[in-house]
Each structure stands twice: as C-alpha cells, then as structure tokens.
Amino acid sequence: MDNEQKKTRRGVLLLIAAATVLFFAALWGVCVLRERIPQRRAEKIEALLESGDAAAARPLIGRVDDEALAESFLARCDYLDAEAAFARGDWVAARELYAAAGSFEDSIDKARLCDYRRAEELLSAGSLEEAEALFSSLGGFEDAADRALGCRYERAAALESAGELSEAAALFETLGGYLDAEARLLRIAKTATNLSDDEEALDLFRGMSPEAREKMAALGTARAALPQDVIAVGFYHTVGLRADGSVVACGDDSFGQCEVGALHDVTAVAAGAYHTLALHRDGTVSAIGRNSEKQCDTSSWRDVKAVAASDYASFGLTGDGTLLCTGFYDYKEPESWSGLAAVSGGSYNLAALRSDGAVWTYPRLKNTDGLRGCVALAVNTGYAVGVMPDGSAVSSVFDLSAWRDVIAVSAGGTAILGLDLQGRVLAHFFRAGDAIDFSAFTGVKAIAAGGTHFALVLDDGSVKVLGENSRGEAETADWDLF
C-alpha cells in the first residue's frame, strides 16, 4: 500500500473517530439538556410562585412531566389564587380554591374559615336558614355550632312574630335550653291551649301532631285578628263601636240607651236589656240608659280592661283580674273572684274565664267543667258556651259537636251564634220556629245574638241586623265601623 492510500485511510479513520466523538458529544449534550430543561422550568415555576404570579406559572406547569411535582405546583397556584379571593372577600371562590389545594399548608382550615365567613354574610343578609345550614356543616370550628343555634333561634322568633306559631314551636323545641327557647315554647303552648298551668299546657301541646298544631295556630291567629267588642244588642237596641272610638246606636231609646253621641275614646261596648256600656281608653266606664237597678252606677270604676252586661247588671274586669259589679242581684261572691281573664254576661247570668282555664258562673250553672280551657266564652239564661283551642264549641246544655273551626260565639235568648274560620255564621236555635237563615253572609267579622234580633259585622265594616225591627233596632244601613 502506497503512502497516498495510507493517508487516505488514516483520514477516513480520523473522520470516523471525529464523527463518533461528535455524535457522543451531541448525545451527551442532549441528555444534559433533557435533564437541565425540566430543572430550569421548575426553577422558573418556583420563582413565579414565589413572586405570587400563579397565572404565569400555570401554563408552565402543564409542561411538567413529573406528575407529583406538577400537582404540588398546582396546589400552590390554587392556594395563591385562594388567598387573593379571600383578600377581596369572595368566600365562595376562595373556598373552592382552598379545597382544590388539598392539604397544602393551612388550606383545609382556610376553606372552613371561608364557609364561616360566608355563613356570617348570609346571616347579615337575613338568609337565616342558609346561614344555619352552613354553620352546622362546620361542626366544632370556632363557635360555628353556637352560631347555628343562634340562626335557628332567630328563625323561630321571626316565625312567632309573624304568627306562624306551629313552625316557631317546632324550632324552639329543638333548641332545648338555648337562651329563652323553653320559655318561648311554653308561651306558645299556653297561647295555643289557653291553659295557664305550664306542665298541663306543654303536655297537651307536645302531644299534638304538626297538623293539629298548625290548625290550632291558624285558629288562634284568626281569633286574635277579630275586632273585639265592637257590636252589642239589648232587648230592642243595637250598639256599634267605630274605629275612631265613637259609638253609634239605634232602636228603642226609651231610657236614653241610644244617646251615645257624647261617648269618645271608646275601646269596647256592651248592652243590657235597656242600657249601654262603653269602656274608655283610660280604663273608665260610661253607662247610659235604664238605671232603676243601679246598672249604670259605674262612674267610680277605674283600671277596667273589659266590660260585659246582663239584662239588668254591668260588669267590669280590672287589670289585676278582679271583677266590678253593679245592678240586679247580690254580687258579693263574684266581686271576690280573682285571677280572671275574661267576662261575659247575658240575661240574668254572669260567667268568667279564669287565667288557669277554669270557668266560673253566677248564679252557679251545671256542667261547666267541659268549658275548661276555652278561648272564648259567652253566657245567657241557664247555659254557657265556649270556643275551644281546637275550634270546637262546647255548651253546658246544648250539643254543638257538629260545629268546626269556630273562632267566636255569642249567646242569645233564643239561639247561639258561632263564627267559623271562613267568616261564616253558625246558628243553633232552641226552637225551629225562631230559626233565621244566615247562609247568605260571608266575611263576617263579629256577631251578637240577642233575644229577637241578631247583628253581624261584615268585613267592610257594615252592620247587618236580622230578626225583629219593631223599634228600629235593625236600622244600621249607614253604619261603617271600620
């Protein structure tokens, strides 16, 4: 082999060696780069996260092959974004981002704090039920459990104020000894059952189904909304009380019982056979009409809260639950009564409802035990009648078991009138020949039963009188009581 060939071969070998070296150098460089690029990317992501720029870091994280490292970076991004949302008070967004951050740093506690702040926000906005649910979900976090009870208490109190007594009671029951929840439950139970004994009222109320409570509450609300003592009838005259405290009257005026023009600031009216009573706002009582039995001797009465009249007597219930009496009969026994909540008079009879639910009568009537706990009471010749909390009506003499949803009663000499939840008039006449048809009337707000005529106050304030009109006792066409 000549020198030229040797040189060529040597050059080829050198070229191959150089190429090999270059190849492996390039290969090494690629390996170094493949190792260094992720490291540099991670360093860059780290720097961005350290500076708080999660938005710039997120696209780079998507190119990180190490799954665990990428998840760690994303958790930090979520945490940073959560912190920003937290700082601007966006509790919902912050909570979601903290949750996405998993267990990174204090994300779990911060997520619960977002729920807590959101619950406070809902509470301030009046969304009590949502706030309660969110506080409840936090369990023992800070004072969340107590705040949840507070929300429930406020819901119950609002329902009670709105007259939704059944729903309010259900919430108060779940609160146990929280604040005055037990006392407020007791108050609702006593209002609903009309029983003054705490244990008796609670036992009866707790034994009711939710439906029965709801019905009883609806009846109680309807009773409370009725205008009280705005209509009364005597033997042959009718008396009405206007909203402005003035009084109107028509019918027999032979004893001046209809001379009511001078009466003012009146809050309740009552009528005997031939006299009229007016209770004034200041607790005094005016009486006009026949006074031969001293039924009009009321000028010395003070602190009277309610009035009633029998045919020839007048009665005033004072603020301390005692009774003032004047007129026909010796009333020494009734004047010694105490703890009274309501009073009724009719014919020659007197009845009083005690605050403990008992009914006392004078002269003494039989079979009044069944009236215990009634929420409205009326009396007339030889009988008493009461409205029970469940809307039934009970009489000491007559069978009224067919009546339902009763909210008011009036006892007359020839009939008992009732008023139901729908504003319809119920009637029990003692003799078929005296019966009057009241079915044409709806929206009735008050009733008064006499011996020969009956007065109804309609929802527009007008007054309709049915029955006898021989003395003008039905001339109420121009009356507007509301």
Protein backbone atom coordinates (compact mmCIF):
# COMPACT_ATOMS: atom_id res chain seq x y z
CA MET A 1 0.00 0.00 0.00
CA ASP A 2 1.49 3.32 -1.08
CA ASN A 3 1.71 6.38 1.07
CA GLU A 4 -1.21 8.03 -0.62
CA GLN A 5 -3.60 5.23 0.26
CA LYS A 6 -2.33 5.15 3.80
CA LYS A 7 -3.01 8.83 4.15
CA THR A 8 -6.50 8.41 2.78
CA ARG A 9 -7.28 5.53 5.14
CA ARG A 10 -5.89 7.47 8.10
CA GLY A 11 -8.04 10.45 7.16
CA VAL A 12 -11.11 8.28 6.95
CA LEU A 13 -10.40 6.75 10.33
CA LEU A 14 -9.84 10.18 11.82
CA LEU A 15 -13.05 11.40 10.28
CA ILE A 16 -14.92 8.42 11.70
CA ALA A 17 -13.38 8.98 15.09
CA ALA A 18 -14.21 12.66 15.00
CA ALA A 19 -17.76 11.91 13.93
CA THR A 20 -18.05 9.36 16.69
CA VAL A 21 -16.77 11.83 19.19
CA LEU A 22 -19.11 14.48 17.89
CA PHE A 23 -22.03 12.04 18.00
CA PHE A 24 -21.42 11.09 21.55
CA ALA A 25 -20.77 14.69 22.48
CA ALA A 26 -24.06 15.65 20.91
CA LEU A 27 -25.77 12.73 22.60
CA TRP A 28 -24.31 13.80 25.91
CA GLY A 29 -25.42 17.36 25.24
CA VAL A 30 -28.96 16.21 24.50
CA CYS A 31 -29.01 14.19 27.69
CA VAL A 32 -27.71 17.13 29.65
CA LEU A 33 -30.28 19.42 28.07
CA ARG A 34 -33.11 16.94 28.70
CA GLU A 35 -32.12 16.90 32.30
CA ARG A 36 -31.46 20.60 32.63
CA ILE A 37 -34.57 21.98 30.86
CA PRO A 38 -37.10 20.49 33.36
CA GLN A 39 -34.90 21.70 36.15
CA ARG A 40 -34.78 25.21 34.68
CA ARG A 41 -38.56 25.07 34.08
CA ALA A 42 -39.14 24.01 37.67
CA GLU A 43 -36.85 26.79 38.85
CA LYS A 44 -38.78 29.29 36.74
CA ILE A 45 -42.12 28.00 38.07
CA GLU A 46 -40.73 28.20 41.57
CA ALA A 47 -39.66 31.78 41.02
CA LEU A 48 -43.06 32.72 39.61
CA LEU A 49 -44.84 31.12 42.56
CA GLU A 50 -42.51 32.83 45.00
CA SER A 51 -43.45 36.14 43.38
CA GLY A 52 -47.16 35.22 43.61
CA ASP A 53 -47.71 35.05 39.82
CA ALA A 54 -49.87 31.93 39.68
CA ALA A 55 -51.37 32.94 36.34
CA ALA A 56 -47.95 32.84 34.61
CA ALA A 57 -46.96 29.64 36.37
CA ARG A 58 -49.99 27.58 35.35
CA PRO A 59 -49.10 27.23 31.60
CA LEU A 60 -45.58 26.10 32.50
CA ILE A 61 -46.90 23.57 35.00
CA GLY A 62 -48.81 21.93 32.17
CA ARG A 63 -45.43 21.05 30.58
CA VAL A 64 -44.01 19.43 33.72
CA ASP A 65 -43.71 15.68 33.20
CA ASP A 66 -43.28 14.82 36.86
CA GLU A 67 -46.90 14.26 37.92
CA ALA A 68 -46.27 14.63 41.63
CA LEU A 69 -44.29 17.83 41.11
CA ALA A 70 -46.98 19.24 38.80
CA GLU A 71 -49.68 18.50 41.38
CA SER A 72 -47.62 20.22 44.04
CA PHE A 73 -47.17 23.29 41.85
CA LEU A 74 -50.92 23.37 41.02
CA ALA A 75 -51.80 23.15 44.70
CA ARG A 76 -49.60 26.17 45.33
CA CYS A 77 -51.28 28.03 42.45
CA ASP A 78 -54.71 27.22 43.85
CA TYR A 79 -53.60 28.39 47.27
CA LEU A 80 -52.26 31.68 45.88
CA ASP A 81 -55.49 32.30 43.95
CA ALA A 82 -57.47 31.33 47.03
CA GLU A 83 -55.56 33.86 49.11
CA ALA A 84 -56.34 36.56 46.55
CA ALA A 85 -60.06 35.65 46.53
CA PHE A 86 -60.05 35.57 50.33
CA ALA A 87 -58.49 39.04 50.49
CA ARG A 88 -61.25 40.50 48.33
CA GLY A 89 -63.99 38.72 50.31
CA ASP A 90 -65.05 36.28 47.59
CA TRP A 91 -65.71 33.47 50.05
CA VAL A 92 -67.29 31.07 47.56
CA ALA A 93 -64.41 31.23 45.06
CA ALA A 94 -61.80 31.16 47.83
CA ARG A 95 -63.39 28.13 49.43
CA GLU A 96 -63.35 26.19 46.12
CA LEU A 97 -59.69 27.08 45.52
CA TYR A 98 -58.62 26.17 49.05
CA ALA A 99 -60.44 22.87 48.63
CA ALA A 100 -58.61 22.30 45.32
CA ALA A 101 -55.30 22.99 47.10
CA GLY A 102 -55.96 19.94 49.25
CA SER A 103 -53.75 19.71 52.31
CA PHE A 104 -51.26 22.37 51.18
CA GLU A 105 -50.26 24.44 54.20
CA ASP A 106 -53.47 25.55 56.03
CA SER A 107 -55.86 25.12 53.07
CA ILE A 108 -58.27 22.89 54.98
CA ASP A 109 -58.70 25.38 57.83
CA LYS A 110 -58.88 28.28 55.40
CA ALA A 111 -61.66 26.53 53.44
CA ARG A 112 -63.65 26.15 56.67
CA LEU A 113 -62.99 29.79 57.50
CA CYS A 114 -64.43 30.75 54.10
CA ASP A 115 -67.60 28.80 54.91
CA TYR A 116 -67.74 30.55 58.29
CA ARG A 117 -67.38 34.00 56.71
CA ARG A 118 -69.96 33.12 54.06
CA ALA A 119 -72.38 32.00 56.80
CA GLU A 120 -71.87 35.34 58.56
CA GLU A 121 -72.59 37.10 55.28
CA LEU A 122 -75.82 35.13 54.82
CA LEU A 123 -76.81 35.88 58.40
CA SER A 124 -76.32 39.62 57.85
CA ALA A 125 -78.44 39.40 54.71
CA GLY A 126 -81.25 37.72 56.65
CA SER A 127 -80.85 34.30 54.98
CA LEU A 128 -81.16 32.55 58.32
CA GLU A 129 -81.88 29.04 57.09
CA GLU A 130 -78.91 29.01 54.69
CA ALA A 131 -76.65 30.52 57.33
CA GLU A 132 -77.73 27.91 59.86
CA ALA A 133 -77.03 25.07 57.42
CA LEU A 134 -73.55 26.41 56.67
CA PHE A 135 -72.68 27.00 60.33
CA SER A 136 -73.96 23.49 61.14
CA SER A 137 -71.75 21.94 58.44
CA LEU A 138 -68.67 23.36 60.19
CA GLY A 139 -69.16 21.26 63.31
CA GLY A 140 -66.73 22.32 66.03
CA PHE A 141 -64.94 25.00 64.01
CA GLU A 142 -64.62 28.10 66.20
CA ASP A 143 -68.13 28.95 67.54
CA ALA A 144 -70.00 27.67 64.45
CA ALA A 145 -72.23 25.29 66.42
CA ASP A 146 -73.43 28.10 68.68
CA ARG A 147 -73.92 30.41 65.70
CA ALA A 148 -76.09 27.74 64.04
CA LEU A 149 -78.29 27.65 67.15
CA GLY A 150 -78.48 31.44 67.05
CA CYS A 151 -79.72 31.33 63.46
CA ARG A 152 -82.37 28.78 64.36
CA TYR A 153 -83.46 30.88 67.34
CA GLU A 154 -83.82 33.97 65.14
CA ARG A 155 -85.84 31.97 62.62
CA ALA A 156 -88.14 30.74 65.39
CA ALA A 157 -88.54 34.23 66.85
CA ALA A 158 -89.38 35.67 63.42
CA LEU A 159 -91.96 32.95 62.83
CA GLU A 160 -93.51 33.62 66.24
CA SER A 161 -93.73 37.34 65.50
CA ALA A 162 -95.37 36.57 62.16
CA GLY A 163 -97.99 34.39 63.86
CA GLU A 164 -96.58 31.14 62.45
CA LEU A 165 -96.78 29.57 65.89
CA SER A 166 -96.69 25.91 64.90
CA GLU A 167 -93.46 26.28 62.89
CA ALA A 168 -91.94 28.51 65.56
CA ALA A 169 -92.73 25.97 68.28
CA ALA A 170 -91.14 23.16 66.27
CA LEU A 171 -87.88 25.13 66.08
CA PHE A 172 -87.95 26.24 69.72
CA GLU A 173 -88.38 22.60 70.74
CA THR A 174 -85.12 21.64 69.02
CA LEU A 175 -83.23 24.44 70.81
CA GLY A 176 -83.67 23.00 74.28
CA GLY A 177 -82.11 25.30 76.88
CA TYR A 178 -80.64 27.75 74.37
CA LEU A 179 -81.34 31.32 75.57
CA ASP A 180 -85.08 31.58 76.42
CA ALA A 181 -86.26 28.99 73.85
CA GLU A 182 -88.00 26.90 76.50
CA ALA A 183 -89.85 29.93 77.86
CA ARG A 184 -90.94 30.94 74.37
CA LEU A 185 -92.13 27.42 73.61
CA LEU A 186 -94.13 27.49 76.83
CA ARG A 187 -95.66 30.83 75.86
CA ILE A 188 -96.76 29.42 72.50
CA ALA A 189 -98.15 26.30 74.18
CA LYS A 190 -100.14 28.34 76.68
CA THR A 191 -101.43 30.65 73.94
CA ALA A 192 -102.47 27.73 71.76
CA THR A 193 -104.07 25.66 74.52
CA ASN A 194 -105.33 28.59 76.64
CA LEU A 195 -104.09 26.74 79.73
CA SER A 196 -102.18 28.66 82.40
CA ASP A 197 -100.57 25.64 84.05
CA ASP A 198 -97.12 25.23 82.48
CA GLU A 199 -96.92 21.45 82.64
CA GLU A 200 -100.51 20.93 81.52
CA ALA A 201 -100.12 23.30 78.57
CA LEU A 202 -96.81 21.75 77.43
CA ASP A 203 -98.09 18.18 77.77
CA LEU A 204 -101.16 18.93 75.68
CA PHE A 205 -99.21 20.89 73.08
CA ARG A 206 -96.42 18.34 72.74
CA GLY A 207 -98.98 15.59 72.28
CA MET A 208 -100.41 17.26 69.19
CA SER A 209 -99.49 16.33 65.66
CA PRO A 210 -97.85 19.02 63.50
CA GLU A 211 -101.11 19.26 61.56
CA ALA A 212 -103.13 19.79 64.74
CA ARG A 213 -100.68 22.44 65.93
CA GLU A 214 -100.84 24.21 62.60
CA LYS A 215 -104.64 24.17 62.65
CA MET A 216 -104.74 25.39 66.23
CA ALA A 217 -102.27 28.16 65.42
CA ALA A 218 -104.35 29.23 62.41
CA LEU A 219 -107.45 29.37 64.59
CA GLY A 220 -105.60 31.38 67.23
CA THR A 221 -104.33 33.84 64.64
CA ALA A 222 -107.82 34.25 63.21
CA ARG A 223 -109.30 34.81 66.68
CA ALA A 224 -106.68 37.42 67.50
CA ALA A 225 -107.46 39.28 64.27
CA LEU A 226 -111.17 39.62 65.04
CA PRO A 227 -112.38 43.05 66.16
CA GLN A 228 -113.35 42.73 69.80
CA ASP A 229 -116.45 44.14 71.50
CA VAL A 230 -117.48 46.29 68.53
CA ILE A 231 -121.13 45.18 68.37
CA ALA A 232 -123.76 44.57 71.07
CA VAL A 233 -127.51 44.10 71.24
CA GLY A 234 -130.03 44.76 74.01
CA PHE A 235 -133.70 43.86 74.11
CA TYR A 236 -134.62 46.33 71.37
CA HIS A 237 -131.47 48.33 70.58
CA THR A 238 -128.20 47.80 68.76
CA VAL A 239 -124.83 49.40 69.58
CA GLY A 240 -121.72 49.66 67.39
CA LEU A 241 -118.17 50.90 68.01
CA ARG A 242 -116.40 52.80 65.23
CA ALA A 243 -112.66 52.63 64.60
CA ASP A 244 -112.24 56.25 65.72
CA GLY A 245 -113.60 55.42 69.20
CA SER A 246 -117.04 56.93 68.66
CA VAL A 247 -120.25 54.95 69.20
CA VAL A 248 -123.43 54.53 67.16
CA ALA A 249 -126.75 53.11 68.33
CA CYS A 250 -130.25 52.55 67.01
CA GLY A 251 -133.54 51.12 68.24
CA ASP A 252 -135.53 51.65 71.43
CA ASP A 253 -134.31 54.76 73.24
CA SER A 254 -136.97 54.90 75.92
CA PHE A 255 -134.31 55.10 78.67
CA GLY A 256 -131.69 57.03 76.69
CA GLN A 257 -129.72 53.87 75.93
CA CYS A 258 -129.09 55.11 72.39
CA GLU A 259 -127.88 58.59 73.40
CA VAL A 260 -124.25 57.73 72.59
CA GLY A 261 -123.16 60.89 70.76
CA ALA A 262 -121.09 62.20 73.66
CA LEU A 263 -119.06 59.00 74.05
CA HIS A 264 -115.48 59.14 72.78
CA ASP A 265 -112.17 57.26 73.08
CA VAL A 266 -114.17 54.06 73.48
CA THR A 267 -112.47 50.67 73.11
CA ALA A 268 -115.37 48.30 73.86
CA VAL A 269 -119.17 48.35 74.06
CA ALA A 270 -121.73 46.10 75.74
CA ALA A 271 -125.51 46.20 76.07
CA GLY A 272 -128.02 45.08 78.67
CA ALA A 273 -131.76 44.96 78.24
CA TYR A 274 -132.19 48.74 78.31
CA HIS A 275 -128.70 50.13 78.98
CA THR A 276 -125.42 50.61 77.14
CA LEU A 277 -121.83 50.32 78.44
CA ALA A 278 -118.77 51.99 76.94
CA LEU A 279 -115.23 51.26 78.08
CA HIS A 280 -112.92 54.23 77.55
CA ARG A 281 -109.24 54.09 76.68
CA ASP A 282 -108.32 55.44 80.11
CA GLY A 283 -109.99 52.49 81.89
CA THR A 284 -113.15 54.31 82.96
CA VAL A 285 -116.65 53.15 82.02
CA SER A 286 -119.69 55.12 80.89
CA ALA A 287 -123.16 53.65 81.31
CA ILE A 288 -126.33 55.15 79.89
CA GLY A 289 -129.96 54.03 79.88
CA ARG A 290 -132.18 52.47 82.46
CA ASN A 291 -130.70 52.67 85.97
CA SER A 292 -133.55 51.51 88.17
CA GLU A 293 -131.42 48.51 89.25
CA LYS A 294 -128.24 50.71 89.51
CA GLN A 295 -126.78 49.05 86.43
CA CYS A 296 -125.41 52.42 85.31
CA ASP A 297 -123.54 53.23 88.54
CA THR A 298 -120.06 52.85 87.02
CA SER A 299 -118.68 56.38 87.50
CA SER A 300 -116.22 55.26 90.19
CA TRP A 301 -114.73 52.38 88.18
CA ARG A 302 -111.06 52.61 87.27
CA ASP A 303 -108.44 50.44 85.56
CA VAL A 304 -111.11 48.46 83.68
CA LYS A 305 -109.85 46.27 80.81
CA ALA A 306 -113.12 44.67 79.65
CA VAL A 307 -116.86 45.16 80.16
CA ALA A 308 -119.93 42.94 79.97
CA ALA A 309 -123.62 43.31 80.71
CA SER A 310 -126.53 41.10 81.65
CA ASP A 311 -130.09 42.32 81.26
CA TYR A 312 -130.05 44.50 84.38
CA ALA A 313 -126.43 44.50 85.56
CA SER A 314 -123.00 45.72 84.47
CA PHE A 315 -119.58 44.13 84.96
CA GLY A 316 -116.03 45.45 84.63
CA LEU A 317 -112.90 43.32 84.57
CA THR A 318 -109.93 45.18 86.06
CA GLY A 319 -106.27 44.95 85.17
CA ASP A 320 -105.50 42.82 88.22
CA GLY A 321 -108.09 40.19 87.23
CA THR A 322 -110.82 41.14 89.71
CA LEU A 323 -114.45 41.98 88.96
CA LEU A 324 -116.53 45.11 89.46
CA CYS A 325 -120.30 44.55 89.55
CA THR A 326 -123.38 46.73 89.80
CA GLY A 327 -127.08 46.20 89.19
CA PHE A 328 -129.66 43.49 89.79
CA TYR A 329 -128.54 40.63 92.12
CA ASP A 330 -126.25 40.49 95.10
CA TYR A 331 -122.76 40.16 93.56
CA LYS A 332 -120.68 39.77 96.72
CA GLU A 333 -119.43 36.36 95.56
CA PRO A 334 -118.29 37.42 92.04
CA GLU A 335 -116.67 40.54 93.46
CA SER A 336 -114.38 38.26 95.47
CA TRP A 337 -113.22 36.36 92.37
CA SER A 338 -109.61 36.85 91.28
CA GLY A 339 -107.31 35.71 88.50
CA LEU A 340 -109.92 36.37 85.82
CA ALA A 341 -109.00 36.65 82.13
CA ALA A 342 -112.41 37.31 80.52
CA VAL A 343 -116.00 38.02 81.50
CA SER A 344 -119.40 37.57 79.84
CA GLY A 345 -122.94 38.49 80.79
CA GLY A 346 -126.35 37.53 79.45
CA SER A 347 -129.93 37.62 80.71
CA TYR A 348 -129.54 37.14 84.49
CA ASN A 349 -126.26 35.24 84.25
CA LEU A 350 -122.57 36.00 84.63
CA ALA A 351 -119.62 33.88 83.50
CA ALA A 352 -115.88 34.45 83.91
CA LEU A 353 -112.89 32.66 82.44
CA ARG A 354 -110.01 32.35 84.88
CA SER A 355 -106.39 32.54 83.79
CA ASP A 356 -105.99 28.88 84.84
CA GLY A 357 -108.64 27.87 82.28
CA ALA A 358 -111.48 27.29 84.74
CA VAL A 359 -114.93 28.79 84.10
CA TRP A 360 -116.88 30.30 86.99
CA THR A 361 -120.56 31.25 86.72
CA TYR A 362 -123.05 33.15 88.84
CA PRO A 363 -125.64 32.03 89.66
CA ARG A 364 -123.91 28.67 89.50
CA LEU A 365 -124.54 26.72 86.28
CA LYS A 366 -124.18 22.96 85.95
CA ASN A 367 -121.90 21.10 83.55
CA THR A 368 -119.34 23.86 83.05
CA ASP A 369 -116.30 21.60 83.61
CA GLY A 370 -116.28 20.82 79.90
CA LEU A 371 -115.61 24.50 79.19
CA ARG A 372 -112.25 24.44 80.98
CA GLY A 373 -109.51 25.79 78.75
CA CYS A 374 -111.86 27.60 76.37
CA VAL A 375 -110.51 30.61 74.49
CA ALA A 376 -113.80 32.49 74.21
CA LEU A 377 -116.83 32.43 76.50
CA ALA A 378 -120.49 33.53 76.36
CA VAL A 379 -123.40 33.06 78.73
CA ASN A 380 -127.18 33.52 78.74
CA THR A 381 -130.23 32.17 80.50
CA GLY A 382 -129.24 28.87 82.11
CA TYR A 383 -126.29 27.98 79.86
CA ALA A 384 -122.74 28.88 78.92
CA VAL A 385 -120.87 28.21 75.69
CA GLY A 386 -117.16 28.31 74.91
CA VAL A 387 -114.79 28.06 71.98
CA MET A 388 -112.03 25.51 72.48
CA PRO A 389 -108.47 25.92 71.14
CA ASP A 390 -109.08 23.22 68.51
CA GLY A 391 -112.03 25.12 67.04
CA SER A 392 -114.77 23.05 68.61
CA ALA A 393 -117.63 24.65 70.55
CA VAL A 394 -118.83 23.31 73.89
CA SER A 395 -122.02 24.22 75.73
CA SER A 396 -123.06 23.35 79.25
CA VAL A 397 -126.51 22.41 77.89
CA PHE A 398 -126.66 22.18 74.09
CA ASP A 399 -124.96 19.83 71.64
CA LEU A 400 -122.70 21.80 69.30
CA SER A 401 -120.49 18.88 68.28
CA ALA A 402 -121.24 19.43 64.59
CA TRP A 403 -119.56 22.83 64.60
CA ARG A 404 -116.00 23.03 63.25
CA ASP A 405 -113.30 25.71 63.06
CA VAL A 406 -115.15 28.03 65.44
CA ILE A 407 -113.38 31.28 66.40
CA ALA A 408 -116.17 33.20 68.19
CA VAL A 409 -119.54 32.60 69.87
CA SER A 410 -122.40 34.73 71.13
CA ALA A 411 -125.12 33.50 73.48
CA GLY A 412 -128.66 34.78 72.93
CA GLY A 413 -132.04 34.18 74.49
CA THR A 414 -133.32 32.18 71.51
CA ALA A 415 -130.15 30.97 69.82
CA ILE A 416 -126.38 30.55 69.97
CA LEU A 417 -124.40 32.08 67.12
CA GLY A 418 -120.93 30.94 66.10
CA LEU A 419 -118.39 32.34 63.68
CA ASP A 420 -116.04 29.98 61.80
CA LEU A 421 -112.61 30.37 60.26
CA GLN A 422 -114.11 31.19 56.85
CA GLY A 423 -116.24 34.01 58.24
CA ARG A 424 -119.48 32.05 58.05
CA VAL A 425 -122.21 32.22 60.70
CA LEU A 426 -123.21 29.05 62.54
CA ALA A 427 -126.54 29.05 64.38
CA HIS A 428 -128.21 26.79 66.94
CA PHE A 429 -131.82 27.90 67.52
CA PHE A 430 -133.63 26.49 70.53
CA ARG A 431 -136.97 26.41 68.69
CA ALA A 432 -137.31 25.65 65.00
CA GLY A 433 -139.89 28.38 64.57
CA ASP A 434 -137.35 31.07 65.52
CA ALA A 435 -134.70 29.97 63.02
CA ILE A 436 -133.07 32.53 60.72
CA ASP A 437 -131.00 31.66 57.64
CA PHE A 438 -127.51 33.21 57.79
CA SER A 439 -126.08 31.33 54.80
CA ALA A 440 -126.07 34.40 52.54
CA PHE A 441 -123.42 36.09 54.68
CA THR A 442 -119.66 35.53 54.33
CA GLY A 443 -116.69 37.52 55.50
CA VAL A 444 -118.34 38.15 58.86
CA LYS A 445 -116.01 39.63 61.49
CA ALA A 446 -118.19 39.93 64.59
CA ILE A 447 -121.51 38.59 65.86
CA ALA A 448 -124.01 39.50 68.57
CA ALA A 449 -127.00 37.33 69.48
CA GLY A 450 -129.98 38.87 71.23
CA GLY A 451 -133.42 37.59 72.10
CA THR A 452 -135.24 38.72 68.99
CA HIS A 453 -132.56 40.25 66.75
CA PHE A 454 -129.02 39.34 65.70
CA ALA A 455 -126.25 41.65 64.50
CA LEU A 456 -123.39 40.81 62.11
CA VAL A 457 -120.37 43.00 61.33
CA LEU A 458 -119.10 42.32 57.81
CA ASP A 459 -115.51 42.66 56.62
CA ASP A 460 -116.20 46.06 55.04
CA GLY A 461 -117.34 47.45 58.41
CA SER A 462 -121.04 47.45 57.57
CA VAL A 463 -123.56 46.00 60.00
CA LYS A 464 -126.49 43.73 59.12
CA VAL A 465 -129.24 43.08 61.65
CA LEU A 466 -131.66 40.18 61.18
CA GLY A 467 -134.83 39.42 63.11
CA GLU A 468 -137.09 41.87 64.91
CA ASN A 469 -137.13 45.54 63.84
CA SER A 470 -140.23 46.87 65.60
CA ARG A 471 -138.20 49.57 67.43
CA GLY A 472 -135.72 50.40 64.65
CA GLU A 473 -133.04 48.10 66.07
CA ALA A 474 -132.11 46.98 62.53
CA GLU A 475 -131.64 50.48 61.10
CA THR A 476 -127.87 50.17 60.58
CA ALA A 477 -127.64 50.74 56.81
CA ASP A 478 -125.41 53.81 57.19
CA TRP A 479 -123.05 52.30 59.76
CA ASP A 480 -119.37 51.85 58.95
CA LEU A 481 -117.46 50.53 61.95
CA PHE A 482 -114.07 50.06 60.27
